[in-house]
Amino acid sequence: MASSAPDDGAADPAPAAGAPGRRIVVAVDESEESMHALSWCLANVVSSSSSSVAAGDTLVLLHARRPRPVYAAMDSSGYMMTSDVMASMDKYAAAVSAAAVDKAKHICAAFPHVTVETLVESGDPRDVICDATEKMAADLLVMGSHGYGLIQRAFLGSVSNHCAQNCKCPVLIVKRPKE
């Protein structure tokens, strides 16, 4: 089960009763595809038109932090996994999450009329994204696609495909244009 950890004083992502506007969730990670999807969403879905401003749309930046792998106290090479090593791994994961969310906030700063909230949760991104959009009664989920081929999707799985099939709200998958 995913545990919720709002990022540094972010507003509670639970929907306010009778709140005007749409609640748009953008799944962000450290990839360029994710940031492209966010930029595309800001330019095309939450535009600077007066109707969006009047409606009071809220953009929720959702980052799913993968849980730390479970290691045995000693691995097969005889290396001891001390609490210092585990703490260092946790610190690194938190830094990666913070960097991804900060980069996304920086992109959103160019759109001052947009209300932005952040949410960082730990767990499998497929489950975290689907659960969070349902909990906050999202009107739309926007996410990027890494563009994996059939073989890579078979081995790695596709978060965007899973969300498109299992989220209860509409899902918009933004592909990054080929360069």
C-alpha atoms as a PDB file:
ATOM      1  CA  MET A   1       0.000   0.000   0.000  1.00  0.00           C
ATOM      2  CA  ALA A   2       1.312   3.466  -0.811  1.00  0.00           C
ATOM      3  CA  SER A   3       2.042   5.831   2.025  1.00  0.00           C
ATOM      4  CA  SER A   4       1.310   9.492   1.531  1.00  0.00           C
ATOM      5  CA  ALA A   5       4.002  12.072   2.213  1.00  0.00           C
ATOM      6  CA  PRO A   6       3.074  15.558   1.025  1.00  0.00           C
ATOM      7  CA  ASP A   7       6.105  17.479  -0.184  1.00  0.00           C
ATOM      8  CA  ASP A   8       7.442  20.321   1.963  1.00  0.00           C
ATOM      9  CA  GLY A   9       4.258  21.965   3.173  1.00  0.00           C
ATOM     10  CA  ALA A  10       2.257  21.380   0.025  1.00  0.00           C
ATOM     11  CA  ALA A  11      -1.476  21.876   0.249  1.00  0.00           C
ATOM     12  CA  ASP A  12      -3.572  18.836   1.085  1.00  0.00           C
ATOM     13  CA  PRO A  13      -4.486  17.205  -2.240  1.00  0.00           C
ATOM     14  CA  ALA A  14      -7.905  16.077  -1.038  1.00  0.00           C
ATOM     15  CA  PRO A  15     -10.657  17.756  -3.033  1.00  0.00           C
ATOM     16  CA  ALA A  16     -12.434  20.637  -1.362  1.00  0.00           C
ATOM     17  CA  ALA A  17     -16.189  20.328  -1.191  1.00  0.00           C
ATOM     18  CA  GLY A  18     -17.762  22.360  -3.930  1.00  0.00           C
ATOM     19  CA  ALA A  19     -14.373  23.585  -5.218  1.00  0.00           C
ATOM     20  CA  PRO A  20     -14.660  25.244  -8.629  1.00  0.00           C
ATOM     21  CA  GLY A  21     -12.493  24.251 -11.565  1.00  0.00           C
ATOM     22  CA  ARG A  22     -10.852  21.028 -12.549  1.00  0.00           C
ATOM     23  CA  ARG A  23      -8.424  18.941 -10.537  1.00  0.00           C
ATOM     24  CA  ILE A  24      -5.715  17.897 -13.001  1.00  0.00           C
ATOM     25  CA  VAL A  25      -3.071  15.453 -11.827  1.00  0.00           C
ATOM     26  CA  VAL A  26       0.243  15.350 -13.667  1.00  0.00           C
ATOM     27  CA  ALA A  27       2.457  12.354 -12.902  1.00  0.00           C
ATOM     28  CA  VAL A  28       6.054  13.562 -12.774  1.00  0.00           C
ATOM     29  CA  ASP A  29       9.360  11.768 -12.488  1.00  0.00           C
ATOM     30  CA  GLU A  30      12.920  12.674 -13.376  1.00  0.00           C
ATOM     31  CA  SER A  31      12.478  11.921 -17.105  1.00  0.00           C
ATOM     32  CA  GLU A  32      12.321  14.408 -19.955  1.00  0.00           C
ATOM     33  CA  GLU A  33       9.105  12.703 -21.160  1.00  0.00           C
ATOM     34  CA  SER A  34       7.444  13.574 -17.877  1.00  0.00           C
ATOM     35  CA  MET A  35       8.513  17.216 -18.059  1.00  0.00           C
ATOM     36  CA  HIS A  36       7.358  17.420 -21.689  1.00  0.00           C
ATOM     37  CA  ALA A  37       3.932  16.111 -20.639  1.00  0.00           C
ATOM     38  CA  LEU A  38       3.756  18.760 -17.902  1.00  0.00           C
ATOM     39  CA  SER A  39       4.755  21.552 -20.314  1.00  0.00           C
ATOM     40  CA  TRP A  40       2.242  20.301 -22.874  1.00  0.00           C
ATOM     41  CA  CYS A  41      -0.488  20.161 -20.237  1.00  0.00           C
ATOM     42  CA  LEU A  42       0.220  23.702 -19.110  1.00  0.00           C
ATOM     43  CA  ALA A  43       0.188  25.016 -22.675  1.00  0.00           C
ATOM     44  CA  ASN A  44      -2.774  23.027 -24.007  1.00  0.00           C
ATOM     45  CA  VAL A  45      -5.003  21.888 -21.141  1.00  0.00           C
ATOM     46  CA  VAL A  46      -4.495  24.562 -18.497  1.00  0.00           C
ATOM     47  CA  SER A  47      -3.982  27.442 -20.881  1.00  0.00           C
ATOM     48  CA  SER A  48      -3.749  31.081 -19.877  1.00  0.00           C
ATOM     49  CA  SER A  49      -7.228  31.704 -21.252  1.00  0.00           C
ATOM     50  CA  SER A  50      -9.602  33.591 -19.025  1.00  0.00           C
ATOM     51  CA  SER A  51     -11.918  30.599 -18.781  1.00  0.00           C
ATOM     52  CA  SER A  52      -9.214  28.507 -17.033  1.00  0.00           C
ATOM     53  CA  VAL A  53      -8.356  31.332 -14.666  1.00  0.00           C
ATOM     54  CA  ALA A  54     -12.000  31.908 -13.792  1.00  0.00           C
ATOM     55  CA  ALA A  55     -12.607  28.210 -13.341  1.00  0.00           C
ATOM     56  CA  GLY A  56      -9.810  27.924 -10.773  1.00  0.00           C
ATOM     57  CA  ASP A  57      -8.126  24.802 -12.107  1.00  0.00           C
ATOM     58  CA  THR A  58      -5.741  23.062  -9.716  1.00  0.00           C
ATOM     59  CA  LEU A  59      -2.703  21.193 -10.980  1.00  0.00           C
ATOM     60  CA  VAL A  60      -1.432  18.437  -8.694  1.00  0.00           C
ATOM     61  CA  LEU A  61       2.153  17.320  -9.359  1.00  0.00           C
ATOM     62  CA  LEU A  62       2.258  13.683  -8.288  1.00  0.00           C
ATOM     63  CA  HIS A  63       5.580  11.904  -7.868  1.00  0.00           C
ATOM     64  CA  ALA A  64       5.719   8.199  -7.050  1.00  0.00           C
ATOM     65  CA  ARG A  65       8.900   7.351  -5.182  1.00  0.00           C
ATOM     66  CA  ARG A  66       9.841   3.737  -5.730  1.00  0.00           C
ATOM     67  CA  PRO A  67      10.266   1.935  -2.417  1.00  0.00           C
ATOM     68  CA  ARG A  68      13.757   0.920  -1.385  1.00  0.00           C
ATOM     69  CA  PRO A  69      14.524  -2.646  -2.427  1.00  0.00           C
ATOM     70  CA  VAL A  70      14.682  -5.121   0.420  1.00  0.00           C
ATOM     71  CA  TYR A  71      18.185  -6.462   0.870  1.00  0.00           C
ATOM     72  CA  ALA A  72      19.407  -9.259   3.070  1.00  0.00           C
ATOM     73  CA  ALA A  73      21.730  -8.148   5.879  1.00  0.00           C
ATOM     74  CA  MET A  74      24.604  -9.609   3.869  1.00  0.00           C
ATOM     75  CA  ASP A  75      24.576 -10.021   0.102  1.00  0.00           C
ATOM     76  CA  SER A  76      26.163 -12.885  -1.853  1.00  0.00           C
ATOM     77  CA  SER A  77      29.527 -11.112  -2.116  1.00  0.00           C
ATOM     78  CA  GLY A  78      29.732 -10.780   1.659  1.00  0.00           C
ATOM     79  CA  TYR A  79      29.026  -7.033   1.671  1.00  0.00           C
ATOM     80  CA  MET A  80      27.234  -5.976   4.830  1.00  0.00           C
ATOM     81  CA  MET A  81      24.201  -3.706   4.328  1.00  0.00           C
ATOM     82  CA  THR A  82      24.525  -1.476   7.387  1.00  0.00           C
ATOM     83  CA  SER A  83      21.954   1.008   8.584  1.00  0.00           C
ATOM     84  CA  ASP A  84      24.241   3.778   7.288  1.00  0.00           C
ATOM     85  CA  VAL A  85      24.089   2.329   3.783  1.00  0.00           C
ATOM     86  CA  MET A  86      20.314   2.000   3.986  1.00  0.00           C
ATOM     87  CA  ALA A  87      19.976   5.575   5.292  1.00  0.00           C
ATOM     88  CA  SER A  88      22.166   6.778   2.447  1.00  0.00           C
ATOM     89  CA  MET A  89      19.935   4.992  -0.065  1.00  0.00           C
ATOM     90  CA  ASP A  90      16.836   6.596   1.472  1.00  0.00           C
ATOM     91  CA  LYS A  91      18.494  10.029   1.405  1.00  0.00           C
ATOM     92  CA  TYR A  92      19.376   9.595  -2.259  1.00  0.00           C
ATOM     93  CA  ALA A  93      15.792   8.529  -3.137  1.00  0.00           C
ATOM     94  CA  ALA A  94      14.438  11.586  -1.304  1.00  0.00           C
ATOM     95  CA  ALA A  95      16.873  13.842  -3.186  1.00  0.00           C
ATOM     96  CA  VAL A  96      15.798  12.376  -6.546  1.00  0.00           C
ATOM     97  CA  SER A  97      12.130  12.930  -5.636  1.00  0.00           C
ATOM     98  CA  ALA A  98      12.786  16.490  -4.495  1.00  0.00           C
ATOM     99  CA  ALA A  99      14.716  17.261  -7.690  1.00  0.00           C
ATOM    100  CA  ALA A 100      11.898  15.934  -9.899  1.00  0.00           C
ATOM    101  CA  VAL A 101       9.233  17.920  -8.032  1.00  0.00           C
ATOM    102  CA  ASP A 102      11.380  21.083  -7.961  1.00  0.00           C
ATOM    103  CA  LYS A 103      11.980  20.844 -11.720  1.00  0.00           C
ATOM    104  CA  ALA A 104       8.231  20.468 -12.273  1.00  0.00           C
ATOM    105  CA  LYS A 105       7.475  23.446  -9.986  1.00  0.00           C
ATOM    106  CA  HIS A 106       9.995  25.527 -11.940  1.00  0.00           C
ATOM    107  CA  ILE A 107       8.136  24.722 -15.180  1.00  0.00           C
ATOM    108  CA  CYS A 108       4.835  25.690 -13.525  1.00  0.00           C
ATOM    109  CA  ALA A 109       6.288  29.014 -12.335  1.00  0.00           C
ATOM    110  CA  ALA A 110       5.863  30.374 -15.874  1.00  0.00           C
ATOM    111  CA  PHE A 111       2.079  30.029 -15.360  1.00  0.00           C
ATOM    112  CA  PRO A 112       1.323  32.145 -12.278  1.00  0.00           C
ATOM    113  CA  HIS A 113      -2.458  31.821 -12.722  1.00  0.00           C
ATOM    114  CA  VAL A 114      -2.300  28.060 -12.067  1.00  0.00           C
ATOM    115  CA  THR A 115      -2.754  26.749  -8.543  1.00  0.00           C
ATOM    116  CA  VAL A 116      -0.096  24.076  -8.036  1.00  0.00           C
ATOM    117  CA  GLU A 117      -0.024  21.412  -5.328  1.00  0.00           C
ATOM    118  CA  THR A 118       2.518  18.635  -4.898  1.00  0.00           C
ATOM    119  CA  LEU A 119       2.209  15.117  -3.608  1.00  0.00           C
ATOM    120  CA  VAL A 120       5.003  12.579  -3.161  1.00  0.00           C
ATOM    121  CA  GLU A 121       3.993   9.022  -2.324  1.00  0.00           C
ATOM    122  CA  SER A 122       6.020   5.871  -1.948  1.00  0.00           C
ATOM    123  CA  GLY A 123       5.182   2.673  -3.786  1.00  0.00           C
ATOM    124  CA  ASP A 124       4.855   1.125  -7.215  1.00  0.00           C
ATOM    125  CA  PRO A 125       4.146   4.064  -9.571  1.00  0.00           C
ATOM    126  CA  ARG A 126       1.288   2.194 -11.262  1.00  0.00           C
ATOM    127  CA  ASP A 127      -0.565   1.704  -7.990  1.00  0.00           C
ATOM    128  CA  VAL A 128       0.378   5.071  -6.483  1.00  0.00           C
ATOM    129  CA  ILE A 129      -0.898   7.021  -9.489  1.00  0.00           C
ATOM    130  CA  CYS A 130      -4.178   5.111  -9.791  1.00  0.00           C
ATOM    131  CA  ASP A 131      -4.864   5.255  -6.037  1.00  0.00           C
ATOM    132  CA  ALA A 132      -4.009   8.953  -5.713  1.00  0.00           C
ATOM    133  CA  THR A 133      -6.190  10.031  -8.645  1.00  0.00           C
ATOM    134  CA  GLU A 134      -9.103   8.119  -7.175  1.00  0.00           C
ATOM    135  CA  LYS A 135      -8.594   9.511  -3.638  1.00  0.00           C
ATOM    136  CA  MET A 136      -8.456  13.113  -4.817  1.00  0.00           C
ATOM    137  CA  ALA A 137     -11.302  12.691  -7.324  1.00  0.00           C
ATOM    138  CA  ALA A 138      -9.138  13.888 -10.202  1.00  0.00           C
ATOM    139  CA  ASP A 139     -10.862  15.167 -13.316  1.00  0.00           C
ATOM    140  CA  LEU A 140      -7.896  14.265 -15.535  1.00  0.00           C
ATOM    141  CA  LEU A 141      -4.558  12.456 -15.290  1.00  0.00           C
ATOM    142  CA  VAL A 142      -1.770  13.657 -17.578  1.00  0.00           C
ATOM    143  CA  MET A 143       1.386  11.622 -17.956  1.00  0.00           C
ATOM    144  CA  GLY A 144       4.266  11.138 -20.320  1.00  0.00           C
ATOM    145  CA  SER A 145       5.192   8.047 -22.260  1.00  0.00           C
ATOM    146  CA  HIS A 146       8.745   6.764 -22.488  1.00  0.00           C
ATOM    147  CA  GLY A 147       7.920   5.308 -25.895  1.00  0.00           C
ATOM    148  CA  TYR A 148       9.085   1.795 -25.134  1.00  0.00           C
ATOM    149  CA  GLY A 149       8.636  -0.755 -27.877  1.00  0.00           C
ATOM    150  CA  LEU A 150       6.730  -4.008 -27.546  1.00  0.00           C
ATOM    151  CA  ILE A 151       9.671  -5.995 -26.152  1.00  0.00           C
ATOM    152  CA  GLN A 152      10.675  -3.363 -23.578  1.00  0.00           C
ATOM    153  CA  ARG A 153       7.054  -2.987 -22.435  1.00  0.00           C
ATOM    154  CA  ALA A 154       6.800  -6.759 -22.049  1.00  0.00           C
ATOM    155  CA  PHE A 155       9.808  -6.852 -19.714  1.00  0.00           C
ATOM    156  CA  LEU A 156       9.573  -3.494 -17.960  1.00  0.00           C
ATOM    157  CA  GLY A 157       5.828  -2.948 -17.994  1.00  0.00           C
ATOM    158  CA  SER A 158       4.197   0.316 -18.941  1.00  0.00           C
ATOM    159  CA  VAL A 159       3.034   2.652 -16.214  1.00  0.00           C
ATOM    160  CA  SER A 160       1.042   4.751 -18.699  1.00  0.00           C
ATOM    161  CA  ASN A 161      -0.706   1.693 -20.143  1.00  0.00           C
ATOM    162  CA  HIS A 162      -1.570   0.418 -16.665  1.00  0.00           C
ATOM    163  CA  CYS A 163      -2.988   3.815 -15.676  1.00  0.00           C
ATOM    164  CA  ALA A 164      -4.949   4.126 -18.925  1.00  0.00           C
ATOM    165  CA  GLN A 165      -6.568   0.763 -18.192  1.00  0.00           C
ATOM    166  CA  ASN A 166      -7.129   1.141 -14.432  1.00  0.00           C
ATOM    167  CA  CYS A 167      -7.620   4.807 -13.473  1.00  0.00           C
ATOM    168  CA  LYS A 168     -11.208   5.872 -12.951  1.00  0.00           C
ATOM    169  CA  CYS A 169     -10.633   9.340 -14.463  1.00  0.00           C
ATOM    170  CA  PRO A 170      -9.734  10.175 -18.081  1.00  0.00           C
ATOM    171  CA  VAL A 171      -6.023   9.663 -18.828  1.00  0.00           C
ATOM    172  CA  LEU A 172      -4.103  11.806 -21.294  1.00  0.00           C
ATOM    173  CA  ILE A 173      -0.788  10.274 -22.383  1.00  0.00           C
ATOM    174  CA  VAL A 174       1.560  12.785 -23.992  1.00  0.00           C
ATOM    175  CA  LYS A 175       4.259  11.382 -26.252  1.00  0.00           C
ATOM    176  CA  ARG A 176       7.448  13.356 -26.695  1.00  0.00           C
ATOM    177  CA  PRO A 177       8.051  14.219 -30.355  1.00  0.00           C
ATOM    178  CA  LYS A 178      10.928  12.452 -32.079  1.00  0.00           C
ATOM    179  CA  GLU A 179      13.947  14.692 -32.448  1.00  0.00           C
END
